[in-house]
Protein backbone atom coordinates (compact mmCIF):
# COMPACT_ATOMS: atom_id res chain seq x y z
CA UNK A 1 -0.02 0.05 -0.25
CA UNK A 2 1.33 3.61 -0.75
CA UNK A 3 2.25 5.83 1.85
CA UNK A 4 -0.64 8.47 2.55
CA UNK A 5 0.57 11.95 1.84
CA UNK A 6 -1.20 14.71 3.48
CA UNK A 7 -0.50 18.40 3.44
CA UNK A 8 1.19 19.67 6.57
CA UNK A 9 -0.95 21.73 8.90
CA UNK A 10 -0.54 25.36 8.30
CA UNK A 11 0.42 24.93 4.61
CA UNK A 12 -1.15 25.17 1.18
CA UNK A 13 -2.99 22.35 0.28
CA UNK A 14 -2.38 22.63 -3.43
CA UNK A 15 -2.49 18.86 -4.64
CA UNK A 16 -0.72 17.34 -7.81
CA UNK A 17 -1.10 13.85 -8.99
CA UNK A 18 -4.06 11.51 -10.01
CA UNK A 19 -5.96 8.45 -9.18
CA UNK A 20 -5.45 8.99 -5.55
CA UNK A 21 -1.64 9.42 -5.65
CA UNK A 22 -1.43 12.87 -4.58
CA UNK A 23 1.40 15.04 -3.46
CA UNK A 24 1.30 18.40 -1.77
CA UNK A 25 4.44 20.27 -3.21
CA UNK A 26 3.74 23.82 -2.08
CA UNK A 27 5.02 24.40 1.59
CA UNK A 28 3.86 28.05 1.62
CA UNK A 29 2.14 29.08 4.93
CA UNK A 30 -1.38 29.88 5.00
CA UNK A 31 -3.66 31.53 7.29
CA UNK A 32 -6.24 29.82 9.62
CA UNK A 33 -9.14 28.79 7.70
CA UNK A 34 -7.51 29.30 4.14
CA UNK A 35 -6.78 26.39 2.03
CA UNK A 36 -4.35 27.83 -0.50
CA UNK A 37 -1.38 30.25 -0.86
CA UNK A 38 -1.94 33.58 -2.53
CA UNK A 39 -0.38 32.00 -5.63
CA UNK A 40 -2.49 28.94 -5.91
CA UNK A 41 -5.62 30.84 -4.61
CA UNK A 42 -5.27 33.07 -7.72
CA UNK A 43 -5.16 29.83 -9.78
CA UNK A 44 -8.43 27.97 -8.23
CA UNK A 45 -10.49 31.09 -7.16
CA UNK A 46 -12.78 32.91 -9.90
CA UNK A 47 -14.09 36.22 -8.53
CA UNK A 48 -17.75 36.94 -8.77
CA UNK A 49 -17.55 39.60 -11.23
CA UNK A 50 -15.67 37.14 -13.50
CA UNK A 51 -18.22 34.45 -13.22
CA UNK A 52 -20.72 37.02 -14.25
CA UNK A 53 -18.99 38.15 -17.20
CA UNK A 54 -18.46 34.59 -18.36
CA UNK A 55 -22.27 33.68 -17.91
CA UNK A 56 -23.53 36.72 -19.82
CA UNK A 57 -21.07 36.51 -22.48
CA UNK A 58 -23.07 33.78 -24.39
CA UNK A 59 -19.89 31.76 -25.64
CA UNK A 60 -18.09 29.18 -23.85
CA UNK A 61 -19.24 26.67 -21.53
CA UNK A 62 -22.23 27.46 -19.54
CA UNK A 63 -21.95 27.64 -15.67
CA UNK A 64 -25.69 26.67 -15.02
CA UNK A 65 -26.87 23.24 -13.89
CA UNK A 66 -30.00 21.71 -13.97
CA UNK A 67 -31.22 19.30 -11.28
CA UNK A 68 -32.54 16.03 -12.65
CA UNK A 69 -35.61 14.90 -10.61
């Protein structure tokens, strides 16, 4: 069985890998309650203004989802 790799407490939780074989290469410190350092947060977080702009643009992938009953 492979060793379980978890991010260190207080460090960025940026994961790389696939199929459950993840590593957490970023050792940047983060504040309590924050998952990613500022560099990785800029990659994963889409500001609300950008999401609205993408929705109203008409092109690209739709961000709306329908619930199947």
